[in-house]
Amino acid sequence: SGSKRVYRSSFLSGNEACIADLIKNNGVRTIVNLYSGEISTQHELTIKERGFFQSHGGELYINILNYEYKFSKKPKEHLFQKVKNIITQIENAEGNVLIHCYGGVHRTGIVYGVIQKCINKLAIESVIEEYKCHTAYESAQRPGGYNPENEEAIRDFPCEILTQNQKK
């Protein structure tokens, strides 16, 4: 998608200055909120973040629903189709995009990792290292928030599905 930049974070409802900076200095026009999980404060965080975003000139706030990233709950192909749909929305959004889930680790890590692998064509090992960095992974004994299923999803994602059904 040319010169579009995609930033990643956790919820920024507690940091209005960061949202303002992303809009003013980094051209962010769209936020894609990947979180639709089970934390009860999610609705309030979304309303607060959307309000900050819109008050500073942000244009589009997308809340992705039913993004289940655990293979134990949905088949891997379901995850791949969801990730494809999310990336298509990111590509079609105006301006630069901020993506996040609750903590910016699992749902965000998979989408961002697939973008790095399939669109930016980074080597898979550097994509996985970046994913691990965001999970506070230190070692097998100190894995932080690392989830081997997330790594598997990034590694196994079939990049060719991103270009299926698109006219070039």
C-alpha atoms as a PDB file:
ATOM      1  CA  SER A   1       0.000   0.000   0.000  1.00  0.00           C
ATOM      2  CA  GLY A   2       2.702   2.458  -1.015  1.00  0.00           C
ATOM      3  CA  SER A   3       3.778   4.901   1.660  1.00  0.00           C
ATOM      4  CA  LYS A   4       1.115   4.076   4.272  1.00  0.00           C
ATOM      5  CA  ARG A   5       2.463   3.642   7.773  1.00  0.00           C
ATOM      6  CA  VAL A   6       0.891   1.306  10.295  1.00  0.00           C
ATOM      7  CA  TYR A   7       1.589   1.942  13.965  1.00  0.00           C
ATOM      8  CA  ARG A   8       0.801  -0.436  16.800  1.00  0.00           C
ATOM      9  CA  SER A   9       0.005   0.102  20.467  1.00  0.00           C
ATOM     10  CA  SER A  10      -2.275  -0.925  23.294  1.00  0.00           C
ATOM     11  CA  PHE A  11      -5.405   1.059  24.175  1.00  0.00           C
ATOM     12  CA  LEU A  12      -4.482   4.765  24.259  1.00  0.00           C
ATOM     13  CA  SER A  13      -7.547   5.953  26.170  1.00  0.00           C
ATOM     14  CA  GLY A  14      -5.193   6.915  29.009  1.00  0.00           C
ATOM     15  CA  ASN A  15      -2.879   8.942  26.784  1.00  0.00           C
ATOM     16  CA  GLU A  16      -4.618  11.738  24.910  1.00  0.00           C
ATOM     17  CA  ALA A  17      -1.266  13.438  24.159  1.00  0.00           C
ATOM     18  CA  CYS A  18      -0.049  10.339  22.317  1.00  0.00           C
ATOM     19  CA  ILE A  19      -3.236  10.223  20.215  1.00  0.00           C
ATOM     20  CA  ALA A  20      -2.882  13.934  19.404  1.00  0.00           C
ATOM     21  CA  ASP A  21       0.764  13.405  18.374  1.00  0.00           C
ATOM     22  CA  LEU A  22      -0.071  10.421  16.164  1.00  0.00           C
ATOM     23  CA  ILE A  23      -2.642  12.549  14.329  1.00  0.00           C
ATOM     24  CA  LYS A  24      -0.687  15.812  14.113  1.00  0.00           C
ATOM     25  CA  ASN A  25       2.847  14.562  13.532  1.00  0.00           C
ATOM     26  CA  ASN A  26       2.388  11.067  12.101  1.00  0.00           C
ATOM     27  CA  GLY A  27      -0.617  11.401   9.802  1.00  0.00           C
ATOM     28  CA  VAL A  28      -2.783   8.832  11.572  1.00  0.00           C
ATOM     29  CA  ARG A  29      -6.330   9.171  10.216  1.00  0.00           C
ATOM     30  CA  THR A  30      -7.693   5.762  11.238  1.00  0.00           C
ATOM     31  CA  ILE A  31      -7.632   3.646  14.379  1.00  0.00           C
ATOM     32  CA  VAL A  32      -8.415  -0.042  14.042  1.00  0.00           C
ATOM     33  CA  ASN A  33      -9.342  -1.428  17.466  1.00  0.00           C
ATOM     34  CA  LEU A  34      -8.932  -5.209  17.307  1.00  0.00           C
ATOM     35  CA  TYR A  35     -10.188  -5.840  20.836  1.00  0.00           C
ATOM     36  CA  SER A  36     -13.593  -7.327  21.460  1.00  0.00           C
ATOM     37  CA  GLY A  37     -12.673  -9.518  24.378  1.00  0.00           C
ATOM     38  CA  GLU A  38     -13.872 -10.125  27.854  1.00  0.00           C
ATOM     39  CA  ILE A  39     -12.541  -7.204  29.882  1.00  0.00           C
ATOM     40  CA  SER A  40     -15.492  -5.295  31.310  1.00  0.00           C
ATOM     41  CA  THR A  41     -13.969  -1.819  30.914  1.00  0.00           C
ATOM     42  CA  GLN A  42     -13.468  -2.306  27.165  1.00  0.00           C
ATOM     43  CA  HIS A  43     -16.589  -0.320  26.203  1.00  0.00           C
ATOM     44  CA  GLU A  44     -15.572   2.692  28.319  1.00  0.00           C
ATOM     45  CA  LEU A  45     -11.992   2.562  27.017  1.00  0.00           C
ATOM     46  CA  THR A  46     -13.258   2.503  23.430  1.00  0.00           C
ATOM     47  CA  ILE A  47     -15.619   5.454  23.960  1.00  0.00           C
ATOM     48  CA  LYS A  48     -12.883   7.506  25.651  1.00  0.00           C
ATOM     49  CA  GLU A  49     -10.272   6.693  23.006  1.00  0.00           C
ATOM     50  CA  ARG A  50     -12.683   7.358  20.117  1.00  0.00           C
ATOM     51  CA  GLY A  51     -13.589  10.706  21.710  1.00  0.00           C
ATOM     52  CA  PHE A  52      -9.941  11.788  22.030  1.00  0.00           C
ATOM     53  CA  PHE A  53      -9.256  10.620  18.471  1.00  0.00           C
ATOM     54  CA  GLN A  54     -12.172  12.496  16.946  1.00  0.00           C
ATOM     55  CA  SER A  55     -11.598  15.653  19.000  1.00  0.00           C
ATOM     56  CA  HIS A  56      -8.041  15.885  17.619  1.00  0.00           C
ATOM     57  CA  GLY A  57      -9.108  15.425  13.991  1.00  0.00           C
ATOM     58  CA  GLY A  58      -8.970  11.654  13.602  1.00  0.00           C
ATOM     59  CA  GLU A  59     -11.307  10.483  10.865  1.00  0.00           C
ATOM     60  CA  LEU A  60     -12.244   6.803  11.124  1.00  0.00           C
ATOM     61  CA  TYR A  61     -12.453   4.610  14.215  1.00  0.00           C
ATOM     62  CA  ILE A  62     -13.047   0.957  13.343  1.00  0.00           C
ATOM     63  CA  ASN A  63     -13.886  -1.561  16.055  1.00  0.00           C
ATOM     64  CA  ILE A  64     -13.301  -5.108  14.780  1.00  0.00           C
ATOM     65  CA  LEU A  65     -15.684  -7.566  16.401  1.00  0.00           C
ATOM     66  CA  ASN A  66     -15.268 -11.305  16.895  1.00  0.00           C
ATOM     67  CA  TYR A  67     -11.539 -11.470  16.187  1.00  0.00           C
ATOM     68  CA  GLU A  68     -10.764 -14.796  17.852  1.00  0.00           C
ATOM     69  CA  TYR A  69      -7.067 -15.567  17.550  1.00  0.00           C
ATOM     70  CA  LYS A  70      -6.915 -18.848  19.507  1.00  0.00           C
ATOM     71  CA  PHE A  71      -6.913 -21.999  17.359  1.00  0.00           C
ATOM     72  CA  SER A  72      -8.510 -23.956  20.197  1.00  0.00           C
ATOM     73  CA  LYS A  73     -11.685 -21.887  19.697  1.00  0.00           C
ATOM     74  CA  LYS A  74     -11.746 -21.454  15.886  1.00  0.00           C
ATOM     75  CA  PRO A  75      -9.881 -23.193  13.052  1.00  0.00           C
ATOM     76  CA  LYS A  76      -6.722 -21.566  11.741  1.00  0.00           C
ATOM     77  CA  GLU A  77      -8.391 -20.865   8.360  1.00  0.00           C
ATOM     78  CA  HIS A  78     -11.011 -18.756  10.154  1.00  0.00           C
ATOM     79  CA  LEU A  79      -8.214 -16.711  11.748  1.00  0.00           C
ATOM     80  CA  PHE A  80      -6.477 -16.281   8.393  1.00  0.00           C
ATOM     81  CA  GLN A  81      -9.674 -15.001   6.738  1.00  0.00           C
ATOM     82  CA  LYS A  82     -10.279 -12.552   9.616  1.00  0.00           C
ATOM     83  CA  VAL A  83      -6.695 -11.262   9.410  1.00  0.00           C
ATOM     84  CA  LYS A  84      -7.053 -10.849   5.629  1.00  0.00           C
ATOM     85  CA  ASN A  85     -10.245  -8.803   6.162  1.00  0.00           C
ATOM     86  CA  ILE A  86      -8.553  -6.620   8.793  1.00  0.00           C
ATOM     87  CA  ILE A  87      -5.528  -5.979   6.550  1.00  0.00           C
ATOM     88  CA  THR A  88      -7.849  -5.072   3.665  1.00  0.00           C
ATOM     89  CA  GLN A  89      -9.518  -2.467   5.906  1.00  0.00           C
ATOM     90  CA  ILE A  90      -6.100  -1.104   6.892  1.00  0.00           C
ATOM     91  CA  GLU A  91      -5.035  -0.899   3.233  1.00  0.00           C
ATOM     92  CA  ASN A  92      -8.267   0.887   2.249  1.00  0.00           C
ATOM     93  CA  ALA A  93      -8.172   3.383   5.129  1.00  0.00           C
ATOM     94  CA  GLU A  94      -7.252   6.994   4.469  1.00  0.00           C
ATOM     95  CA  GLY A  95      -3.874   8.093   5.778  1.00  0.00           C
ATOM     96  CA  ASN A  96      -1.741   6.246   8.265  1.00  0.00           C
ATOM     97  CA  VAL A  97      -3.306   3.737  10.637  1.00  0.00           C
ATOM     98  CA  LEU A  98      -2.919   2.830  14.301  1.00  0.00           C
ATOM     99  CA  ILE A  99      -3.841  -0.742  15.198  1.00  0.00           C
ATOM    100  CA  HIS A 100      -4.234  -2.105  18.697  1.00  0.00           C
ATOM    101  CA  CYS A 101      -6.058  -4.649  20.780  1.00  0.00           C
ATOM    102  CA  TYR A 102      -6.161  -4.455  24.569  1.00  0.00           C
ATOM    103  CA  GLY A 103      -2.459  -4.730  25.324  1.00  0.00           C
ATOM    104  CA  GLY A 104      -1.071  -4.694  21.776  1.00  0.00           C
ATOM    105  CA  VAL A 105       0.376  -8.206  22.090  1.00  0.00           C
ATOM    106  CA  HIS A 106      -1.683 -11.090  20.698  1.00  0.00           C
ATOM    107  CA  ARG A 107      -4.343  -9.891  18.214  1.00  0.00           C
ATOM    108  CA  THR A 108      -2.181  -6.918  17.220  1.00  0.00           C
ATOM    109  CA  GLY A 109       0.968  -9.059  17.099  1.00  0.00           C
ATOM    110  CA  ILE A 110      -0.548 -11.447  14.576  1.00  0.00           C
ATOM    111  CA  VAL A 111      -1.919  -8.722  12.278  1.00  0.00           C
ATOM    112  CA  TYR A 112       1.267  -6.654  12.497  1.00  0.00           C
ATOM    113  CA  GLY A 113       3.446  -9.731  11.984  1.00  0.00           C
ATOM    114  CA  VAL A 114       1.498 -10.716   8.866  1.00  0.00           C
ATOM    115  CA  ILE A 115       1.842  -7.157   7.504  1.00  0.00           C
ATOM    116  CA  GLN A 116       5.601  -7.266   8.136  1.00  0.00           C
ATOM    117  CA  LYS A 117       5.930 -10.713   6.528  1.00  0.00           C
ATOM    118  CA  CYS A 118       3.553 -10.424   3.577  1.00  0.00           C
ATOM    119  CA  ILE A 119       3.429  -6.736   2.668  1.00  0.00           C
ATOM    120  CA  ASN A 120       6.774  -5.383   3.863  1.00  0.00           C
ATOM    121  CA  LYS A 121       8.532  -8.657   2.913  1.00  0.00           C
ATOM    122  CA  LEU A 122      10.670  -8.819   6.052  1.00  0.00           C
ATOM    123  CA  ALA A 123      12.474 -12.059   6.822  1.00  0.00           C
ATOM    124  CA  ILE A 124      10.313 -14.320   8.970  1.00  0.00           C
ATOM    125  CA  GLU A 125      12.950 -14.610  11.704  1.00  0.00           C
ATOM    126  CA  SER A 126      13.076 -10.817  12.170  1.00  0.00           C
ATOM    127  CA  VAL A 127       9.251 -10.700  12.172  1.00  0.00           C
ATOM    128  CA  ILE A 128       9.172 -13.332  14.931  1.00  0.00           C
ATOM    129  CA  GLU A 129      11.897 -11.516  16.911  1.00  0.00           C
ATOM    130  CA  GLU A 130       9.838  -8.315  16.734  1.00  0.00           C
ATOM    131  CA  TYR A 131       6.725 -10.218  17.857  1.00  0.00           C
ATOM    132  CA  LYS A 132       8.642 -11.706  20.808  1.00  0.00           C
ATOM    133  CA  CYS A 133       9.973  -8.273  21.761  1.00  0.00           C
ATOM    134  CA  HIS A 134       6.399  -6.969  22.127  1.00  0.00           C
ATOM    135  CA  THR A 135       5.524  -9.904  24.403  1.00  0.00           C
ATOM    136  CA  ALA A 136       8.464  -9.258  26.775  1.00  0.00           C
ATOM    137  CA  TYR A 137       9.916 -12.652  25.788  1.00  0.00           C
ATOM    138  CA  GLU A 138      13.336 -13.238  27.306  1.00  0.00           C
ATOM    139  CA  SER A 139      13.771 -17.009  27.039  1.00  0.00           C
ATOM    140  CA  ALA A 140      11.833 -20.266  27.173  1.00  0.00           C
ATOM    141  CA  GLN A 141      12.105 -20.005  30.967  1.00  0.00           C
ATOM    142  CA  ARG A 142      10.911 -16.374  30.941  1.00  0.00           C
ATOM    143  CA  PRO A 143       8.463 -16.195  28.030  1.00  0.00           C
ATOM    144  CA  GLY A 144       6.553 -13.088  29.128  1.00  0.00           C
ATOM    145  CA  GLY A 145       3.278 -12.938  27.181  1.00  0.00           C
ATOM    146  CA  TYR A 146       4.640 -15.020  24.300  1.00  0.00           C
ATOM    147  CA  ASN A 147       2.134 -17.420  22.763  1.00  0.00           C
ATOM    148  CA  PRO A 148       3.468 -20.136  20.424  1.00  0.00           C
ATOM    149  CA  GLU A 149       0.105 -20.180  18.597  1.00  0.00           C
ATOM    150  CA  ASN A 150       0.628 -16.529  17.628  1.00  0.00           C
ATOM    151  CA  GLU A 151       4.030 -17.353  16.168  1.00  0.00           C
ATOM    152  CA  GLU A 152       2.504 -20.314  14.327  1.00  0.00           C
ATOM    153  CA  ALA A 153      -0.236 -18.070  12.893  1.00  0.00           C
ATOM    154  CA  ILE A 154       2.332 -15.572  11.580  1.00  0.00           C
ATOM    155  CA  ARG A 155       4.582 -18.298  10.151  1.00  0.00           C
ATOM    156  CA  ASP A 156       1.719 -20.246   8.534  1.00  0.00           C
ATOM    157  CA  PHE A 157      -0.309 -17.302   7.202  1.00  0.00           C
ATOM    158  CA  PRO A 158      -0.599 -17.767   3.415  1.00  0.00           C
ATOM    159  CA  CYS A 159       0.434 -14.374   2.005  1.00  0.00           C
ATOM    160  CA  GLU A 160      -1.172 -15.154  -1.351  1.00  0.00           C
ATOM    161  CA  ILE A 161      -4.680 -14.811   0.146  1.00  0.00           C
ATOM    162  CA  LEU A 162      -4.043 -11.080   0.562  1.00  0.00           C
ATOM    163  CA  THR A 163      -4.020 -10.636  -3.206  1.00  0.00           C
ATOM    164  CA  GLN A 164      -6.823 -13.053  -4.099  1.00  0.00           C
ATOM    165  CA  ASN A 165      -9.922 -11.390  -5.575  1.00  0.00           C
ATOM    166  CA  GLN A 166      -8.067  -8.109  -6.115  1.00  0.00           C
ATOM    167  CA  LYS A 167      -7.693  -6.459  -9.483  1.00  0.00           C
ATOM    168  CA  LYS A 168      -4.098  -5.379 -10.076  1.00  0.00           C
END
